[in-house]
Amino acid sequence: MYNQCFSAEQKGHLELAGSGYRNAIELLVKDYAINELGYKKEEVVKKKLAASIKAYLPSIDLKQSADIIRILGNDYTHYEQLYAEDTFAILKQYLEIFIKSIETAYLIKHPKIKTQFQEKE
């Protein structure tokens, strides 16, 4: 989904990319909740994105960045936008922050080599 949004962005289809990135963040939040945090899929899929952000993201940094993406992404799905024009750049900034934060948490939890600090599974 992210790659499709990126392709749309590269072609100048920012409305499509903006709403798509919002959808991509929903998939990432829910996949993270299921695959990394161990929540039941049946529970997670029923929640709206705002509730998922609140319930499943462990830090305020993740919550804040995901919510900004949600809010600005929603603007690209509605007839009237609530926020000033040119919010696409802001959406992309927070999207990159969010993805890097999730990637960092994942890599720390799943190191590519064995360390003395790894939790026993």
N, C-alpha and C. Protein backbone atom coordinates (compact mmCIF):
# COMPACT_ATOMS: atom_id res chain seq x y z
N MET A 1 0.84 -1.19 0.00
CA MET A 1 0.00 0.00 0.00
C MET A 1 0.88 1.25 0.00
N TYR A 2 1.89 1.26 0.85
CA TYR A 2 2.79 2.42 0.92
C TYR A 2 3.42 2.69 -0.45
N ASN A 3 3.89 1.64 -1.11
CA ASN A 3 4.53 1.81 -2.42
C ASN A 3 3.55 2.34 -3.46
N GLN A 4 2.31 1.92 -3.39
CA GLN A 4 1.31 2.44 -4.31
C GLN A 4 1.07 3.93 -4.06
N CYS A 5 1.04 4.31 -2.80
CA CYS A 5 0.86 5.73 -2.45
C CYS A 5 2.05 6.54 -2.94
N PHE A 6 3.24 6.00 -2.75
CA PHE A 6 4.45 6.68 -3.18
C PHE A 6 4.42 6.89 -4.70
N SER A 7 3.98 5.87 -5.42
CA SER A 7 3.87 5.97 -6.87
C SER A 7 2.88 7.06 -7.27
N ALA A 8 1.75 7.11 -6.60
CA ALA A 8 0.76 8.16 -6.87
C ALA A 8 1.35 9.54 -6.56
N GLU A 9 2.07 9.64 -5.47
CA GLU A 9 2.72 10.90 -5.10
C GLU A 9 3.69 11.35 -6.19
N GLN A 10 4.49 10.43 -6.69
CA GLN A 10 5.48 10.76 -7.72
C GLN A 10 4.82 11.25 -9.01
N LYS A 11 3.61 10.82 -9.25
CA LYS A 11 2.86 11.25 -10.43
C LYS A 11 2.06 12.52 -10.19
N GLY A 12 2.19 13.08 -8.97
CA GLY A 12 1.49 14.31 -8.65
C GLY A 12 0.07 14.13 -8.17
N HIS A 13 -0.34 12.91 -7.89
CA HIS A 13 -1.69 12.63 -7.42
C HIS A 13 -1.71 12.69 -5.88
N LEU A 14 -1.58 13.91 -5.35
CA LEU A 14 -1.41 14.08 -3.91
C LEU A 14 -2.66 13.73 -3.11
N GLU A 15 -3.84 13.98 -3.67
CA GLU A 15 -5.07 13.62 -2.96
C GLU A 15 -5.15 12.11 -2.78
N LEU A 16 -4.85 11.39 -3.83
CA LEU A 16 -4.85 9.93 -3.77
C LEU A 16 -3.77 9.43 -2.82
N ALA A 17 -2.58 10.00 -2.92
CA ALA A 17 -1.48 9.60 -2.05
C ALA A 17 -1.79 9.92 -0.59
N GLY A 18 -2.35 11.10 -0.32
CA GLY A 18 -2.68 11.50 1.05
C GLY A 18 -3.67 10.56 1.71
N SER A 19 -4.73 10.22 1.02
CA SER A 19 -5.72 9.30 1.60
C SER A 19 -5.13 7.89 1.70
N GLY A 20 -4.30 7.53 0.74
CA GLY A 20 -3.66 6.21 0.77
C GLY A 20 -2.67 6.07 1.91
N TYR A 21 -1.88 7.11 2.16
CA TYR A 21 -0.93 7.05 3.28
C TYR A 21 -1.68 6.92 4.60
N ARG A 22 -2.81 7.56 4.70
CA ARG A 22 -3.63 7.42 5.91
C ARG A 22 -4.08 5.96 6.07
N ASN A 23 -4.47 5.34 4.98
CA ASN A 23 -4.87 3.94 5.01
C ASN A 23 -3.67 3.04 5.35
N ALA A 24 -2.52 3.36 4.78
CA ALA A 24 -1.32 2.58 5.04
C ALA A 24 -0.94 2.63 6.52
N ILE A 25 -1.12 3.79 7.15
CA ILE A 25 -0.78 3.91 8.57
C ILE A 25 -1.73 3.06 9.41
N GLU A 26 -2.98 2.96 8.99
CA GLU A 26 -3.93 2.11 9.71
C GLU A 26 -3.48 0.65 9.65
N LEU A 27 -3.05 0.21 8.48
CA LEU A 27 -2.57 -1.16 8.34
C LEU A 27 -1.34 -1.40 9.21
N LEU A 28 -0.43 -0.44 9.22
CA LEU A 28 0.80 -0.58 10.00
C LEU A 28 0.51 -0.62 11.50
N VAL A 29 -0.35 0.27 11.97
CA VAL A 29 -0.71 0.29 13.40
C VAL A 29 -1.34 -1.04 13.80
N LYS A 30 -2.26 -1.52 12.99
CA LYS A 30 -2.95 -2.77 13.34
C LYS A 30 -2.03 -3.98 13.21
N ASP A 31 -1.19 -4.01 12.19
CA ASP A 31 -0.21 -5.10 12.09
C ASP A 31 0.74 -5.09 13.27
N TYR A 32 1.17 -3.92 13.69
CA TYR A 32 2.06 -3.78 14.84
C TYR A 32 1.37 -4.32 16.11
N ALA A 33 0.11 -3.95 16.28
CA ALA A 33 -0.63 -4.40 17.46
C ALA A 33 -0.76 -5.92 17.48
N ILE A 34 -1.02 -6.51 16.34
CA ILE A 34 -1.21 -7.96 16.25
C ILE A 34 0.11 -8.71 16.32
N ASN A 35 1.05 -8.32 15.46
CA ASN A 35 2.28 -9.09 15.30
C ASN A 35 3.36 -8.80 16.33
N GLU A 36 3.42 -7.58 16.82
CA GLU A 36 4.48 -7.24 17.77
C GLU A 36 3.99 -7.15 19.21
N LEU A 37 2.77 -6.70 19.39
CA LEU A 37 2.27 -6.53 20.75
C LEU A 37 1.39 -7.68 21.22
N GLY A 38 1.02 -8.57 20.29
CA GLY A 38 0.29 -9.77 20.65
C GLY A 38 -1.20 -9.63 20.87
N TYR A 39 -1.80 -8.55 20.41
CA TYR A 39 -3.25 -8.41 20.54
C TYR A 39 -3.95 -9.33 19.55
N LYS A 40 -5.15 -9.74 19.90
CA LYS A 40 -5.92 -10.65 19.05
C LYS A 40 -6.44 -9.91 17.81
N LYS A 41 -6.26 -10.55 16.66
CA LYS A 41 -6.66 -9.96 15.39
C LYS A 41 -8.15 -9.60 15.40
N GLU A 42 -8.96 -10.47 15.95
CA GLU A 42 -10.41 -10.25 15.98
C GLU A 42 -10.77 -8.95 16.70
N GLU A 43 -10.00 -8.61 17.71
CA GLU A 43 -10.21 -7.38 18.48
C GLU A 43 -9.71 -6.17 17.69
N VAL A 44 -8.53 -6.29 17.14
CA VAL A 44 -7.85 -5.17 16.49
C VAL A 44 -8.59 -4.70 15.24
N VAL A 45 -9.03 -5.62 14.41
CA VAL A 45 -9.62 -5.23 13.13
C VAL A 45 -10.93 -4.45 13.29
N LYS A 46 -11.58 -4.60 14.41
CA LYS A 46 -12.86 -3.92 14.64
C LYS A 46 -12.70 -2.45 15.02
N LYS A 47 -11.53 -2.08 15.49
CA LYS A 47 -11.33 -0.71 15.97
C LYS A 47 -11.07 0.26 14.82
N LYS A 48 -11.59 1.46 14.98
CA LYS A 48 -11.27 2.54 14.05
C LYS A 48 -9.84 2.98 14.31
N LEU A 49 -9.28 3.71 13.38
CA LEU A 49 -7.87 4.09 13.49
C LEU A 49 -7.61 4.93 14.74
N ALA A 50 -8.44 5.90 15.04
CA ALA A 50 -8.21 6.75 16.22
C ALA A 50 -8.16 5.90 17.49
N ALA A 51 -9.08 4.97 17.62
CA ALA A 51 -9.10 4.09 18.80
C ALA A 51 -7.90 3.15 18.82
N SER A 52 -7.47 2.71 17.65
CA SER A 52 -6.30 1.83 17.56
C SER A 52 -5.03 2.56 17.99
N ILE A 53 -4.90 3.80 17.55
CA ILE A 53 -3.74 4.61 17.94
C ILE A 53 -3.71 4.74 19.46
N LYS A 54 -4.83 5.06 20.04
CA LYS A 54 -4.91 5.26 21.49
C LYS A 54 -4.63 3.96 22.25
N ALA A 55 -5.16 2.86 21.75
CA ALA A 55 -5.08 1.60 22.48
C ALA A 55 -3.76 0.85 22.31
N TYR A 56 -3.16 0.93 21.13
CA TYR A 56 -2.08 0.02 20.81
C TYR A 56 -0.69 0.63 20.72
N LEU A 57 -0.61 1.92 20.55
CA LEU A 57 0.73 2.50 20.43
C LEU A 57 1.26 2.83 21.82
N PRO A 58 2.44 2.31 22.15
CA PRO A 58 2.93 2.39 23.52
C PRO A 58 3.49 3.74 23.96
N SER A 59 3.90 4.60 23.03
CA SER A 59 4.51 5.86 23.47
C SER A 59 3.75 7.05 22.91
N ILE A 60 3.89 8.16 23.61
CA ILE A 60 3.23 9.39 23.16
C ILE A 60 3.78 9.83 21.81
N ASP A 61 5.06 9.57 21.55
CA ASP A 61 5.65 9.95 20.27
C ASP A 61 4.97 9.21 19.12
N LEU A 62 4.77 7.91 19.29
CA LEU A 62 4.07 7.13 18.26
C LEU A 62 2.62 7.58 18.12
N LYS A 63 1.96 7.78 19.26
CA LYS A 63 0.56 8.22 19.23
C LYS A 63 0.42 9.56 18.51
N GLN A 64 1.29 10.50 18.86
CA GLN A 64 1.21 11.85 18.30
C GLN A 64 1.45 11.84 16.79
N SER A 65 2.50 11.17 16.35
CA SER A 65 2.81 11.17 14.92
C SER A 65 1.73 10.44 14.13
N ALA A 66 1.25 9.31 14.65
CA ALA A 66 0.19 8.57 13.95
C ALA A 66 -1.10 9.37 13.88
N ASP A 67 -1.42 10.11 14.93
CA ASP A 67 -2.65 10.88 14.93
C ASP A 67 -2.58 12.05 13.95
N ILE A 68 -1.42 12.66 13.81
CA ILE A 68 -1.26 13.73 12.83
C ILE A 68 -1.48 13.18 11.42
N ILE A 69 -0.93 12.02 11.15
CA ILE A 69 -1.12 11.37 9.84
C ILE A 69 -2.60 11.06 9.62
N ARG A 70 -3.25 10.56 10.66
CA ARG A 70 -4.68 10.23 10.57
C ARG A 70 -5.50 11.48 10.24
N ILE A 71 -5.26 12.54 10.97
CA ILE A 71 -6.03 13.77 10.80
C ILE A 71 -5.81 14.37 9.41
N LEU A 72 -4.55 14.50 9.02
CA LEU A 72 -4.26 15.10 7.72
C LEU A 72 -4.67 14.17 6.58
N GLY A 73 -4.50 12.86 6.77
CA GLY A 73 -4.93 11.90 5.76
C GLY A 73 -6.43 11.92 5.58
N ASN A 74 -7.16 12.08 6.68
CA ASN A 74 -8.62 12.19 6.59
C ASN A 74 -9.04 13.39 5.75
N ASP A 75 -8.27 14.46 5.83
CA ASP A 75 -8.58 15.64 5.04
C ASP A 75 -8.58 15.34 3.54
N TYR A 76 -7.78 14.37 3.13
CA TYR A 76 -7.72 14.02 1.71
C TYR A 76 -8.86 13.10 1.29
N THR A 77 -9.66 12.64 2.25
CA THR A 77 -10.77 11.76 1.91
C THR A 77 -12.12 12.48 1.95
N HIS A 78 -12.15 13.70 2.47
CA HIS A 78 -13.41 14.42 2.62
C HIS A 78 -13.53 15.54 1.59
N TYR A 79 -14.74 15.93 1.32
CA TYR A 79 -15.02 16.97 0.33
C TYR A 79 -14.36 18.29 0.71
N GLU A 80 -14.53 18.67 1.96
CA GLU A 80 -13.90 19.90 2.45
C GLU A 80 -12.78 19.55 3.40
N GLN A 81 -11.64 20.22 3.21
CA GLN A 81 -10.52 20.01 4.10
C GLN A 81 -10.64 20.95 5.29
N LEU A 82 -10.29 20.44 6.47
CA LEU A 82 -10.36 21.24 7.69
C LEU A 82 -9.10 22.06 7.92
N TYR A 83 -8.01 21.65 7.32
CA TYR A 83 -6.73 22.30 7.57
C TYR A 83 -6.24 23.01 6.33
N ALA A 84 -5.30 23.91 6.53
CA ALA A 84 -4.77 24.74 5.45
C ALA A 84 -4.22 23.88 4.32
N GLU A 85 -4.20 24.48 3.16
CA GLU A 85 -3.62 23.78 2.01
C GLU A 85 -2.14 23.52 2.27
N ASP A 86 -1.57 22.67 1.46
CA ASP A 86 -0.16 22.31 1.52
C ASP A 86 0.18 21.54 2.80
N THR A 87 -0.76 20.73 3.25
CA THR A 87 -0.49 19.90 4.43
C THR A 87 0.18 18.59 4.05
N PHE A 88 0.30 18.33 2.75
CA PHE A 88 0.88 17.06 2.32
C PHE A 88 2.31 16.90 2.83
N ALA A 89 3.08 17.96 2.78
CA ALA A 89 4.48 17.90 3.26
C ALA A 89 4.52 17.57 4.75
N ILE A 90 3.60 18.12 5.51
CA ILE A 90 3.55 17.83 6.95
C ILE A 90 3.17 16.37 7.17
N LEU A 91 2.17 15.90 6.44
CA LEU A 91 1.77 14.49 6.53
C LEU A 91 2.97 13.59 6.27
N LYS A 92 3.73 13.88 5.22
CA LYS A 92 4.88 13.06 4.86
C LYS A 92 5.97 13.10 5.94
N GLN A 93 6.20 14.26 6.55
CA GLN A 93 7.19 14.36 7.62
C GLN A 93 6.83 13.42 8.76
N TYR A 94 5.59 13.48 9.20
CA TYR A 94 5.17 12.65 10.33
C TYR A 94 5.08 11.18 9.95
N LEU A 95 4.78 10.90 8.70
CA LEU A 95 4.77 9.52 8.23
C LEU A 95 6.18 8.93 8.33
N GLU A 96 7.17 9.69 7.90
CA GLU A 96 8.56 9.22 7.99
C GLU A 96 8.98 9.03 9.44
N ILE A 97 8.60 9.96 10.31
CA ILE A 97 8.91 9.83 11.74
C ILE A 97 8.28 8.55 12.29
N PHE A 98 7.01 8.33 11.96
CA PHE A 98 6.30 7.16 12.48
C PHE A 98 6.94 5.87 11.99
N ILE A 99 7.19 5.79 10.69
CA ILE A 99 7.77 4.57 10.13
C ILE A 99 9.14 4.29 10.74
N LYS A 100 9.97 5.32 10.86
CA LYS A 100 11.30 5.14 11.45
C LYS A 100 11.19 4.71 12.92
N SER A 101 10.24 5.24 13.65
CA SER A 101 10.06 4.87 15.06
C SER A 101 9.64 3.41 15.19
N ILE A 102 8.72 2.97 14.36
CA ILE A 102 8.29 1.57 14.37
C ILE A 102 9.45 0.67 13.95
N GLU A 103 10.16 1.08 12.92
CA GLU A 103 11.30 0.29 12.45
C GLU A 103 12.38 0.17 13.54
N THR A 104 12.65 1.27 14.22
CA THR A 104 13.63 1.26 15.30
C THR A 104 13.21 0.31 16.41
N ALA A 105 11.96 0.40 16.84
CA ALA A 105 11.45 -0.48 17.90
C ALA A 105 11.54 -1.94 17.47
N TYR A 106 11.20 -2.21 16.22
CA TYR A 106 11.25 -3.58 15.71
C TYR A 106 12.68 -4.11 15.70
N LEU A 107 13.61 -3.32 15.18
CA LEU A 107 15.01 -3.77 15.09
C LEU A 107 15.64 -3.96 16.46
N ILE A 108 15.28 -3.13 17.42
CA ILE A 108 15.81 -3.30 18.77
C ILE A 108 15.26 -4.58 19.40
N LYS A 109 13.99 -4.85 19.18
CA LYS A 109 13.37 -6.05 19.74
C LYS A 109 13.83 -7.32 19.03
N HIS A 110 14.19 -7.21 17.77
CA HIS A 110 14.58 -8.36 16.95
C HIS A 110 15.97 -8.14 16.34
N PRO A 111 17.02 -8.13 17.17
CA PRO A 111 18.36 -7.89 16.61
C PRO A 111 18.78 -9.02 15.66
N LYS A 112 19.60 -8.67 14.71
CA LYS A 112 20.05 -9.64 13.70
C LYS A 112 21.11 -10.58 14.25
N ILE A 113 21.69 -10.24 15.41
CA ILE A 113 22.66 -11.10 16.07
C ILE A 113 22.24 -11.29 17.51
N LYS A 114 22.71 -12.35 18.13
CA LYS A 114 22.37 -12.63 19.52
C LYS A 114 23.14 -11.68 20.43
N THR A 115 22.44 -11.10 21.38
CA THR A 115 23.07 -10.22 22.36
C THR A 115 22.81 -10.74 23.76
N GLN A 116 23.54 -10.20 24.70
CA GLN A 116 23.35 -10.63 26.09
C GLN A 116 22.06 -10.06 26.70
N PHE A 117 21.45 -9.13 26.01
CA PHE A 117 20.27 -8.46 26.55
C PHE A 117 18.95 -8.97 25.97
N GLN A 118 19.02 -9.91 25.04
CA GLN A 118 17.79 -10.42 24.43
C GLN A 118 16.95 -11.15 25.47
N GLU A 119 15.66 -10.92 25.36
CA GLU A 119 14.72 -11.65 26.21
C GLU A 119 14.60 -13.06 25.69
N LYS A 120 14.44 -14.00 26.59
CA LYS A 120 14.24 -15.39 26.18
C LYS A 120 12.80 -15.57 25.75
N GLU A 121 12.66 -16.22 24.63
CA GLU A 121 11.30 -16.43 24.10
C GLU A 121 10.77 -17.79 24.47
